[in-house]
Amino acid sequence: RLLWTIAISVSITVLQVVGSLLSGSLALLADAAHSLTDAVGVSRQGP
């Protein structure tokens, strides 16, 4: 479940970055950065 959560979070982040670059949306890029920090936080959960 943890690996699926990380994979989904990273996928959403990539889609947000691509969308922000295509649309020129700084808000979407900021949201992508926030999603990335969420993915990093979840991935740092050890045993």
All heavy atoms as atom14 arrays in JSON, in Angstrom:
{
  "sequence": "RLLWTIAISVSITVLQVVGSLLSGSLALLADAAHSLTDAVGVSRQGP",
  "atom14_mask": [
    [1, 1, 1, 1, 1, 1, 1, 1, 1, 1, 1, 0, 0, 0],
    [1, 1, 1, 1, 1, 1, 1, 1, 0, 0, 0, 0, 0, 0],
    [1, 1, 1, 1, 1, 1, 1, 1, 0, 0, 0, 0, 0, 0],
    [1, 1, 1, 1, 1, 1, 1, 1, 1, 1, 1, 1, 1, 1],
    [1, 1, 1, 1, 1, 1, 1, 0, 0, 0, 0, 0, 0, 0],
    [1, 1, 1, 1, 1, 1, 1, 1, 0, 0, 0, 0, 0, 0],
    [1, 1, 1, 1, 1, 0, 0, 0, 0, 0, 0, 0, 0, 0],
    [1, 1, 1, 1, 1, 1, 1, 1, 0, 0, 0, 0, 0, 0],
    [1, 1, 1, 1, 1, 1, 0, 0, 0, 0, 0, 0, 0, 0],
    [1, 1, 1, 1, 1, 1, 1, 0, 0, 0, 0, 0, 0, 0],
    [1, 1, 1, 1, 1, 1, 0, 0, 0, 0, 0, 0, 0, 0],
    [1, 1, 1, 1, 1, 1, 1, 1, 0, 0, 0, 0, 0, 0],
    [1, 1, 1, 1, 1, 1, 1, 0, 0, 0, 0, 0, 0, 0],
    [1, 1, 1, 1, 1, 1, 1, 0, 0, 0, 0, 0, 0, 0],
    [1, 1, 1, 1, 1, 1, 1, 1, 0, 0, 0, 0, 0, 0],
    [1, 1, 1, 1, 1, 1, 1, 1, 1, 0, 0, 0, 0, 0],
    [1, 1, 1, 1, 1, 1, 1, 0, 0, 0, 0, 0, 0, 0],
    [1, 1, 1, 1, 1, 1, 1, 0, 0, 0, 0, 0, 0, 0],
    [1, 1, 1, 1, 0, 0, 0, 0, 0, 0, 0, 0, 0, 0],
    [1, 1, 1, 1, 1, 1, 0, 0, 0, 0, 0, 0, 0, 0],
    [1, 1, 1, 1, 1, 1, 1, 1, 0, 0, 0, 0, 0, 0],
    [1, 1, 1, 1, 1, 1, 1, 1, 0, 0, 0, 0, 0, 0],
    [1, 1, 1, 1, 1, 1, 0, 0, 0, 0, 0, 0, 0, 0],
    [1, 1, 1, 1, 0, 0, 0, 0, 0, 0, 0, 0, 0, 0],
    [1, 1, 1, 1, 1, 1, 0, 0, 0, 0, 0, 0, 0, 0],
    [1, 1, 1, 1, 1, 1, 1, 1, 0, 0, 0, 0, 0, 0],
    [1, 1, 1, 1, 1, 0, 0, 0, 0, 0, 0, 0, 0, 0],
    [1, 1, 1, 1, 1, 1, 1, 1, 0, 0, 0, 0, 0, 0],
    [1, 1, 1, 1, 1, 1, 1, 1, 0, 0, 0, 0, 0, 0],
    [1, 1, 1, 1, 1, 0, 0, 0, 0, 0, 0, 0, 0, 0],
    [1, 1, 1, 1, 1, 1, 1, 1, 0, 0, 0, 0, 0, 0],
    [1, 1, 1, 1, 1, 0, 0, 0, 0, 0, 0, 0, 0, 0],
    [1, 1, 1, 1, 1, 0, 0, 0, 0, 0, 0, 0, 0, 0],
    [1, 1, 1, 1, 1, 1, 1, 1, 1, 1, 0, 0, 0, 0],
    [1, 1, 1, 1, 1, 1, 0, 0, 0, 0, 0, 0, 0, 0],
    [1, 1, 1, 1, 1, 1, 1, 1, 0, 0, 0, 0, 0, 0],
    [1, 1, 1, 1, 1, 1, 1, 0, 0, 0, 0, 0, 0, 0],
    [1, 1, 1, 1, 1, 1, 1, 1, 0, 0, 0, 0, 0, 0],
    [1, 1, 1, 1, 1, 0, 0, 0, 0, 0, 0, 0, 0, 0],
    [1, 1, 1, 1, 1, 1, 1, 0, 0, 0, 0, 0, 0, 0],
    [1, 1, 1, 1, 0, 0, 0, 0, 0, 0, 0, 0, 0, 0],
    [1, 1, 1, 1, 1, 1, 1, 0, 0, 0, 0, 0, 0, 0],
    [1, 1, 1, 1, 1, 1, 0, 0, 0, 0, 0, 0, 0, 0],
    [1, 1, 1, 1, 1, 1, 1, 1, 1, 1, 1, 0, 0, 0],
    [1, 1, 1, 1, 1, 1, 1, 1, 1, 0, 0, 0, 0, 0],
    [1, 1, 1, 1, 0, 0, 0, 0, 0, 0, 0, 0, 0, 0],
    [1, 1, 1, 1, 1, 1, 1, 0, 0, 0, 0, 0, 0, 0]
  ],
  "atom14_positions": [
    [[0.83, -1.21, 0.0], [0.0, 0.0, 0.0], [0.86, 1.25, 0.0], [0.54, 2.24, -0.66], [-0.92, 0.02, 1.21], [-1.99, -1.02, 1.15], [-2.87, -0.95, 2.36], [-3.84, -2.04, 2.36], [-4.72, -2.23, 3.3], [-4.79, -1.41, 4.33], [-5.56, -3.24, 3.23], [0.0, 0.0, 0.0], [0.0, 0.0, 0.0], [0.0, 0.0, 0.0]],
    [[1.95, 1.22, 0.74], [2.86, 2.35, 0.78], [3.47, 2.61, -0.59], [3.55, 3.75, -1.05], [3.95, 2.1, 1.82], [4.96, 3.21, 2.06], [4.27, 4.44, 2.62], [6.04, 2.73, 3.02], [0.0, 0.0, 0.0], [0.0, 0.0, 0.0], [0.0, 0.0, 0.0], [0.0, 0.0, 0.0], [0.0, 0.0, 0.0], [0.0, 0.0, 0.0]],
    [[3.88, 1.55, -1.28], [4.47, 1.7, -2.6], [3.45, 2.23, -3.61], [3.79, 3.06, -4.46], [5.06, 0.37, -3.07], [6.27, -0.12, -2.27], [6.71, -1.49, -2.75], [7.42, 0.87, -2.34], [0.0, 0.0, 0.0], [0.0, 0.0, 0.0], [0.0, 0.0, 0.0], [0.0, 0.0, 0.0], [0.0, 0.0, 0.0], [0.0, 0.0, 0.0]],
    [[2.22, 1.76, -3.52], [1.17, 2.28, -4.4], [0.92, 3.77, -4.12], [0.73, 4.57, -5.05], [-0.13, 1.5, -4.23], [-0.2, 0.29, -5.11], [-0.11, -1.01, -4.7], [-0.34, 0.26, -6.52], [-0.19, -1.84, -5.8], [-0.34, -1.09, -6.92], [-0.47, 1.25, -7.49], [-0.46, -1.47, -8.25], [-0.59, 0.85, -8.82], [-0.59, -0.48, -9.19]],
    [[0.92, 4.15, -2.87], [0.71, 5.55, -2.51], [1.81, 6.43, -3.08], [1.54, 7.51, -3.63], [0.65, 5.7, -0.98], [-0.4, 4.88, -0.47], [0.44, 7.14, -0.57], [0.0, 0.0, 0.0], [0.0, 0.0, 0.0], [0.0, 0.0, 0.0], [0.0, 0.0, 0.0], [0.0, 0.0, 0.0], [0.0, 0.0, 0.0], [0.0, 0.0, 0.0]],
    [[3.04, 5.97, -2.97], [4.17, 6.73, -3.51], [4.07, 6.83, -5.03], [4.25, 7.9, -5.61], [5.51, 6.09, -3.08], [5.68, 6.22, -1.57], [6.67, 6.73, -3.82], [6.8, 5.38, -1.01], [0.0, 0.0, 0.0], [0.0, 0.0, 0.0], [0.0, 0.0, 0.0], [0.0, 0.0, 0.0], [0.0, 0.0, 0.0], [0.0, 0.0, 0.0]],
    [[3.74, 5.71, -5.69], [3.63, 5.71, -7.15], [2.54, 6.66, -7.63], [2.74, 7.41, -8.6], [3.36, 4.29, -7.65], [0.0, 0.0, 0.0], [0.0, 0.0, 0.0], [0.0, 0.0, 0.0], [0.0, 0.0, 0.0], [0.0, 0.0, 0.0], [0.0, 0.0, 0.0], [0.0, 0.0, 0.0], [0.0, 0.0, 0.0], [0.0, 0.0, 0.0]],
    [[1.4, 6.65, -6.97], [0.31, 7.55, -7.37], [0.69, 9.0, -7.13], [0.46, 9.87, -7.99], [-0.98, 7.18, -6.61], [-1.5, 5.83, -7.11], [-2.04, 8.27, -6.77], [-2.62, 5.25, -6.26], [0.0, 0.0, 0.0], [0.0, 0.0, 0.0], [0.0, 0.0, 0.0], [0.0, 0.0, 0.0], [0.0, 0.0, 0.0], [0.0, 0.0, 0.0]],
    [[1.33, 9.29, -6.0], [1.73, 10.67, -5.69], [2.74, 11.2, -6.69], [2.63, 12.34, -7.15], [2.33, 10.74, -4.28], [1.37, 10.42, -3.33], [0.0, 0.0, 0.0], [0.0, 0.0, 0.0], [0.0, 0.0, 0.0], [0.0, 0.0, 0.0], [0.0, 0.0, 0.0], [0.0, 0.0, 0.0], [0.0, 0.0, 0.0], [0.0, 0.0, 0.0]],
    [[3.71, 10.37, -7.05], [4.73, 10.8, -8.03], [4.08, 10.98, -9.4], [4.4, 11.94, -10.12], [5.9, 9.8, -8.07], [6.82, 10.07, -9.24], [6.68, 9.86, -6.76], [0.0, 0.0, 0.0], [0.0, 0.0, 0.0], [0.0, 0.0, 0.0], [0.0, 0.0, 0.0], [0.0, 0.0, 0.0], [0.0, 0.0, 0.0], [0.0, 0.0, 0.0]],
    [[3.17, 10.1, -9.78], [2.48, 10.23, -11.07], [1.69, 11.54, -11.15], [1.73, 12.24, -12.16], [1.54, 9.05, -11.3], [2.25, 7.85, -11.32], [0.0, 0.0, 0.0], [0.0, 0.0, 0.0], [0.0, 0.0, 0.0], [0.0, 0.0, 0.0], [0.0, 0.0, 0.0], [0.0, 0.0, 0.0], [0.0, 0.0, 0.0], [0.0, 0.0, 0.0]],
    [[0.99, 11.85, -10.08], [0.22, 13.1, -10.04], [1.16, 14.3, -10.14], [0.88, 15.27, -10.86], [-0.65, 13.16, -8.77], [-1.79, 12.16, -8.88], [-1.17, 14.57, -8.53], [-2.59, 11.98, -7.61], [0.0, 0.0, 0.0], [0.0, 0.0, 0.0], [0.0, 0.0, 0.0], [0.0, 0.0, 0.0], [0.0, 0.0, 0.0], [0.0, 0.0, 0.0]],
    [[2.3, 14.22, -9.46], [3.28, 15.31, -9.5], [3.78, 15.53, -10.92], [3.86, 16.68, -11.4], [4.45, 15.02, -8.55], [3.94, 14.88, -7.23], [5.48, 16.12, -8.58], [0.0, 0.0, 0.0], [0.0, 0.0, 0.0], [0.0, 0.0, 0.0], [0.0, 0.0, 0.0], [0.0, 0.0, 0.0], [0.0, 0.0, 0.0], [0.0, 0.0, 0.0]],
    [[4.12, 14.44, -11.61], [4.62, 14.56, -12.99], [3.55, 15.17, -13.89], [3.84, 16.08, -14.7], [5.07, 13.18, -13.51], [5.34, 13.21, -15.0], [6.31, 12.72, -12.76], [0.0, 0.0, 0.0], [0.0, 0.0, 0.0], [0.0, 0.0, 0.0], [0.0, 0.0, 0.0], [0.0, 0.0, 0.0], [0.0, 0.0, 0.0], [0.0, 0.0, 0.0]],
    [[2.31, 14.71, -13.74], [1.23, 15.26, -14.56], [1.01, 16.74, -14.27], [0.75, 17.53, -15.19], [-0.06, 14.48, -14.33], [-0.09, 13.06, -14.87], [-1.35, 12.34, -14.42], [0.01, 13.08, -16.39], [0.0, 0.0, 0.0], [0.0, 0.0, 0.0], [0.0, 0.0, 0.0], [0.0, 0.0, 0.0], [0.0, 0.0, 0.0], [0.0, 0.0, 0.0]],
    [[1.14, 17.14, -13.03], [0.97, 18.55, -12.68], [2.1, 19.41, -13.25], [1.85, 20.53, -13.71], [0.91, 18.72, -11.16], [-0.39, 18.25, -10.56], [-0.4, 18.37, -9.05], [0.62, 18.23, -8.39], [-1.58, 18.62, -8.49], [0.0, 0.0, 0.0], [0.0, 0.0, 0.0], [0.0, 0.0, 0.0], [0.0, 0.0, 0.0], [0.0, 0.0, 0.0]],
    [[3.32, 18.89, -13.23], [4.45, 19.65, -13.79], [4.25, 19.83, -15.3], [4.41, 20.93, -15.84], [5.8, 18.96, -13.48], [6.92, 19.57, -14.3], [6.11, 19.06, -12.0], [0.0, 0.0, 0.0], [0.0, 0.0, 0.0], [0.0, 0.0, 0.0], [0.0, 0.0, 0.0], [0.0, 0.0, 0.0], [0.0, 0.0, 0.0], [0.0, 0.0, 0.0]],
    [[3.89, 18.74, -15.98], [3.66, 18.82, -17.42], [2.51, 19.79, -17.72], [2.62, 20.65, -18.61], [3.37, 17.42, -18.01], [2.88, 17.51, -19.45], [4.61, 16.55, -17.92], [0.0, 0.0, 0.0], [0.0, 0.0, 0.0], [0.0, 0.0, 0.0], [0.0, 0.0, 0.0], [0.0, 0.0, 0.0], [0.0, 0.0, 0.0], [0.0, 0.0, 0.0]],
    [[1.43, 19.67, -16.98], [0.3, 20.57, -17.17], [0.64, 22.02, -16.92], [0.2, 22.92, -17.64], [0.0, 0.0, 0.0], [0.0, 0.0, 0.0], [0.0, 0.0, 0.0], [0.0, 0.0, 0.0], [0.0, 0.0, 0.0], [0.0, 0.0, 0.0], [0.0, 0.0, 0.0], [0.0, 0.0, 0.0], [0.0, 0.0, 0.0], [0.0, 0.0, 0.0]],
    [[1.46, 22.26, -15.9], [1.84, 23.65, -15.6], [2.75, 24.23, -16.68], [2.65, 25.41, -17.0], [2.51, 23.74, -14.23], [3.8, 23.17, -14.27], [0.0, 0.0, 0.0], [0.0, 0.0, 0.0], [0.0, 0.0, 0.0], [0.0, 0.0, 0.0], [0.0, 0.0, 0.0], [0.0, 0.0, 0.0], [0.0, 0.0, 0.0], [0.0, 0.0, 0.0]],
    [[3.62, 23.39, -17.23], [4.5, 23.88, -18.3], [3.72, 24.15, -19.58], [4.0, 25.12, -20.29], [5.62, 22.87, -18.56], [6.63, 22.69, -17.42], [7.62, 21.59, -17.76], [7.35, 23.99, -17.12], [0.0, 0.0, 0.0], [0.0, 0.0, 0.0], [0.0, 0.0, 0.0], [0.0, 0.0, 0.0], [0.0, 0.0, 0.0], [0.0, 0.0, 0.0]],
    [[2.75, 23.29, -19.87], [1.95, 23.49, -21.08], [1.02, 24.69, -20.96], [0.79, 25.4, -21.93], [1.13, 22.23, -21.38], [1.92, 21.0, -21.82], [1.0, 19.8, -21.97], [2.66, 21.27, -23.12], [0.0, 0.0, 0.0], [0.0, 0.0, 0.0], [0.0, 0.0, 0.0], [0.0, 0.0, 0.0], [0.0, 0.0, 0.0], [0.0, 0.0, 0.0]],
    [[0.49, 24.93, -19.77], [-0.48, 26.02, -19.59], [0.14, 27.31, -19.06], [-0.49, 28.35, -19.09], [-1.58, 25.57, -18.64], [-1.06, 25.38, -17.33], [0.0, 0.0, 0.0], [0.0, 0.0, 0.0], [0.0, 0.0, 0.0], [0.0, 0.0, 0.0], [0.0, 0.0, 0.0], [0.0, 0.0, 0.0], [0.0, 0.0, 0.0], [0.0, 0.0, 0.0]],
    [[1.37, 27.21, -18.56], [2.02, 28.39, -17.99], [1.46, 28.76, -16.62], [1.55, 29.9, -16.2], [0.0, 0.0, 0.0], [0.0, 0.0, 0.0], [0.0, 0.0, 0.0], [0.0, 0.0, 0.0], [0.0, 0.0, 0.0], [0.0, 0.0, 0.0], [0.0, 0.0, 0.0], [0.0, 0.0, 0.0], [0.0, 0.0, 0.0], [0.0, 0.0, 0.0]],
    [[0.89, 27.79, -15.93], [0.25, 28.05, -14.64], [1.25, 27.9, -13.49], [1.74, 26.8, -13.21], [-0.92, 27.08, -14.44], [-1.43, 27.2, -13.15], [0.0, 0.0, 0.0], [0.0, 0.0, 0.0], [0.0, 0.0, 0.0], [0.0, 0.0, 0.0], [0.0, 0.0, 0.0], [0.0, 0.0, 0.0], [0.0, 0.0, 0.0], [0.0, 0.0, 0.0]],
    [[1.52, 29.0, -12.84], [2.41, 28.98, -11.68], [1.73, 28.3, -10.49], [2.38, 27.62, -9.7], [2.84, 30.4, -11.32], [3.87, 30.53, -10.21], [5.16, 29.79, -10.57], [4.16, 31.99, -9.92], [0.0, 0.0, 0.0], [0.0, 0.0, 0.0], [0.0, 0.0, 0.0], [0.0, 0.0, 0.0], [0.0, 0.0, 0.0], [0.0, 0.0, 0.0]],
    [[0.42, 28.45, -10.39], [-0.32, 27.81, -9.29], [-0.25, 26.29, -9.39], [-0.08, 25.59, -8.39], [-1.78, 28.26, -9.31], [0.0, 0.0, 0.0], [0.0, 0.0, 0.0], [0.0, 0.0, 0.0], [0.0, 0.0, 0.0], [0.0, 0.0, 0.0], [0.0, 0.0, 0.0], [0.0, 0.0, 0.0], [0.0, 0.0, 0.0], [0.0, 0.0, 0.0]],
    [[-0.36, 25.76, -10.6], [-0.27, 24.32, -10.79], [1.14, 23.82, -10.51], [1.32, 22.73, -9.95], [-0.7, 23.95, -12.22], [-0.93, 22.48, -12.52], [-1.93, 21.87, -11.55], [-1.42, 22.3, -13.94], [0.0, 0.0, 0.0], [0.0, 0.0, 0.0], [0.0, 0.0, 0.0], [0.0, 0.0, 0.0], [0.0, 0.0, 0.0], [0.0, 0.0, 0.0]],
    [[2.15, 24.62, -10.86], [3.53, 24.25, -10.55], [3.76, 24.25, -9.03], [4.43, 23.36, -8.51], [4.5, 25.21, -11.23], [5.98, 24.86, -11.12], [6.26, 23.51, -11.75], [6.82, 25.94, -11.77], [0.0, 0.0, 0.0], [0.0, 0.0, 0.0], [0.0, 0.0, 0.0], [0.0, 0.0, 0.0], [0.0, 0.0, 0.0], [0.0, 0.0, 0.0]],
    [[3.19, 25.21, -8.32], [3.3, 25.24, -6.86], [2.61, 24.04, -6.24], [3.11, 23.44, -5.28], [2.71, 26.53, -6.32], [0.0, 0.0, 0.0], [0.0, 0.0, 0.0], [0.0, 0.0, 0.0], [0.0, 0.0, 0.0], [0.0, 0.0, 0.0], [0.0, 0.0, 0.0], [0.0, 0.0, 0.0], [0.0, 0.0, 0.0], [0.0, 0.0, 0.0]],
    [[1.47, 23.65, -6.81], [0.76, 22.47, -6.31], [1.58, 21.21, -6.59], [1.59, 20.28, -5.79], [-0.62, 22.37, -6.94], [-1.51, 21.4, -6.2], [-1.45, 21.36, -4.96], [-2.26, 20.66, -6.87], [0.0, 0.0, 0.0], [0.0, 0.0, 0.0], [0.0, 0.0, 0.0], [0.0, 0.0, 0.0], [0.0, 0.0, 0.0], [0.0, 0.0, 0.0]],
    [[2.28, 21.17, -7.71], [3.16, 20.04, -8.01], [4.29, 19.94, -6.99], [4.64, 18.84, -6.55], [3.73, 20.17, -9.42], [0.0, 0.0, 0.0], [0.0, 0.0, 0.0], [0.0, 0.0, 0.0], [0.0, 0.0, 0.0], [0.0, 0.0, 0.0], [0.0, 0.0, 0.0], [0.0, 0.0, 0.0], [0.0, 0.0, 0.0], [0.0, 0.0, 0.0]],
    [[4.84, 21.08, -6.59], [5.89, 21.07, -5.58], [5.34, 20.56, -4.24], [6.01, 19.79, -3.54], [6.47, 22.47, -5.41], [0.0, 0.0, 0.0], [0.0, 0.0, 0.0], [0.0, 0.0, 0.0], [0.0, 0.0, 0.0], [0.0, 0.0, 0.0], [0.0, 0.0, 0.0], [0.0, 0.0, 0.0], [0.0, 0.0, 0.0], [0.0, 0.0, 0.0]],
    [[4.12, 20.94, -3.92], [3.49, 20.46, -2.69], [3.26, 18.95, -2.76], [3.51, 18.22, -1.8], [2.18, 21.21, -2.47], [1.44, 20.75, -1.27], [0.08, 20.65, -1.23], [1.87, 20.36, -0.05], [-0.29, 20.2, -0.04], [0.78, 20.02, 0.69], [0.0, 0.0, 0.0], [0.0, 0.0, 0.0], [0.0, 0.0, 0.0], [0.0, 0.0, 0.0]],
    [[2.8, 18.47, -3.9], [2.59, 17.02, -4.08], [3.91, 16.27, -3.97], [3.95, 15.16, -3.44], [1.95, 16.74, -5.44], [0.67, 17.3, -5.51], [0.0, 0.0, 0.0], [0.0, 0.0, 0.0], [0.0, 0.0, 0.0], [0.0, 0.0, 0.0], [0.0, 0.0, 0.0], [0.0, 0.0, 0.0], [0.0, 0.0, 0.0], [0.0, 0.0, 0.0]],
    [[4.98, 16.87, -4.48], [6.29, 16.23, -4.4], [6.74, 16.11, -2.95], [7.28, 15.07, -2.55], [7.31, 17.01, -5.22], [8.73, 16.44, -5.23], [8.73, 15.05, -5.86], [9.66, 17.36, -5.97], [0.0, 0.0, 0.0], [0.0, 0.0, 0.0], [0.0, 0.0, 0.0], [0.0, 0.0, 0.0], [0.0, 0.0, 0.0], [0.0, 0.0, 0.0]],
    [[6.52, 17.15, -2.16], [6.91, 17.06, -0.74], [6.08, 16.01, -0.02], [6.59, 15.32, 0.87], [6.77, 18.41, -0.02], [5.42, 18.85, -0.08], [7.68, 19.46, -0.64], [0.0, 0.0, 0.0], [0.0, 0.0, 0.0], [0.0, 0.0, 0.0], [0.0, 0.0, 0.0], [0.0, 0.0, 0.0], [0.0, 0.0, 0.0], [0.0, 0.0, 0.0]],
    [[4.82, 15.84, -0.4], [4.0, 14.77, 0.17], [4.57, 13.41, -0.18], [4.68, 12.52, 0.67], [2.55, 14.87, -0.32], [1.8, 16.04, 0.27], [2.27, 16.6, 1.29], [0.75, 16.4, -0.29], [0.0, 0.0, 0.0], [0.0, 0.0, 0.0], [0.0, 0.0, 0.0], [0.0, 0.0, 0.0], [0.0, 0.0, 0.0], [0.0, 0.0, 0.0]],
    [[4.95, 13.22, -1.44], [5.5, 11.94, -1.88], [6.82, 11.63, -1.17], [7.07, 10.5, -0.76], [5.71, 11.95, -3.4], [0.0, 0.0, 0.0], [0.0, 0.0, 0.0], [0.0, 0.0, 0.0], [0.0, 0.0, 0.0], [0.0, 0.0, 0.0], [0.0, 0.0, 0.0], [0.0, 0.0, 0.0], [0.0, 0.0, 0.0], [0.0, 0.0, 0.0]],
    [[7.65, 12.65, -1.0], [8.93, 12.46, -0.3], [8.67, 12.11, 1.17], [9.31, 11.22, 1.73], [9.83, 13.71, -0.42], [11.02, 13.63, 0.5], [10.3, 13.87, -1.86], [0.0, 0.0, 0.0], [0.0, 0.0, 0.0], [0.0, 0.0, 0.0], [0.0, 0.0, 0.0], [0.0, 0.0, 0.0], [0.0, 0.0, 0.0], [0.0, 0.0, 0.0]],
    [[7.74, 12.79, 1.78], [7.41, 12.51, 3.18], [6.92, 11.09, 3.38], [7.3, 10.41, 4.34], [0.0, 0.0, 0.0], [0.0, 0.0, 0.0], [0.0, 0.0, 0.0], [0.0, 0.0, 0.0], [0.0, 0.0, 0.0], [0.0, 0.0, 0.0], [0.0, 0.0, 0.0], [0.0, 0.0, 0.0], [0.0, 0.0, 0.0], [0.0, 0.0, 0.0]],
    [[6.07, 10.62, 2.49], [5.56, 9.25, 2.59], [6.68, 8.25, 2.34], [6.77, 7.22, 3.01], [4.39, 9.04, 1.6], [4.03, 7.58, 1.48], [3.18, 9.84, 2.03], [0.0, 0.0, 0.0], [0.0, 0.0, 0.0], [0.0, 0.0, 0.0], [0.0, 0.0, 0.0], [0.0, 0.0, 0.0], [0.0, 0.0, 0.0], [0.0, 0.0, 0.0]],
    [[7.55, 8.55, 1.39], [8.62, 7.6, 1.05], [9.68, 7.49, 2.14], [10.41, 6.51, 2.2], [9.29, 7.98, -0.27], [10.0, 9.2, -0.13], [0.0, 0.0, 0.0], [0.0, 0.0, 0.0], [0.0, 0.0, 0.0], [0.0, 0.0, 0.0], [0.0, 0.0, 0.0], [0.0, 0.0, 0.0], [0.0, 0.0, 0.0], [0.0, 0.0, 0.0]],
    [[9.74, 8.47, 3.03], [10.73, 8.41, 4.11], [10.27, 7.58, 5.3], [10.99, 7.45, 6.28], [11.08, 9.83, 4.58], [11.83, 10.61, 3.51], [12.21, 11.98, 3.99], [12.85, 11.96, 5.28], [14.17, 12.06, 5.49], [14.96, 12.15, 4.46], [14.65, 12.06, 6.7], [0.0, 0.0, 0.0], [0.0, 0.0, 0.0], [0.0, 0.0, 0.0]],
    [[9.08, 7.02, 5.22], [8.58, 6.18, 6.3], [9.32, 4.85, 6.28], [9.16, 4.07, 5.36], [7.08, 5.94, 6.16], [6.26, 7.19, 6.28], [6.44, 7.84, 7.64], [6.4, 7.2, 8.66], [6.66, 9.15, 7.64], [0.0, 0.0, 0.0], [0.0, 0.0, 0.0], [0.0, 0.0, 0.0], [0.0, 0.0, 0.0], [0.0, 0.0, 0.0]],
    [[10.12, 4.61, 7.28], [10.86, 3.36, 7.38], [10.1, 2.34, 8.2], [8.97, 2.57, 8.61], [0.0, 0.0, 0.0], [0.0, 0.0, 0.0], [0.0, 0.0, 0.0], [0.0, 0.0, 0.0], [0.0, 0.0, 0.0], [0.0, 0.0, 0.0], [0.0, 0.0, 0.0], [0.0, 0.0, 0.0], [0.0, 0.0, 0.0], [0.0, 0.0, 0.0]],
    [[10.72, 1.21, 8.47], [10.07, 0.2, 9.3], [9.77, 0.75, 10.69], [10.64, 1.33, 11.34], [11.1, -0.93, 9.38], [12.01, -0.7, 8.23], [12.01, 0.77, 7.98], [0.0, 0.0, 0.0], [0.0, 0.0, 0.0], [0.0, 0.0, 0.0], [0.0, 0.0, 0.0], [0.0, 0.0, 0.0], [0.0, 0.0, 0.0], [0.0, 0.0, 0.0]]
  ]
}
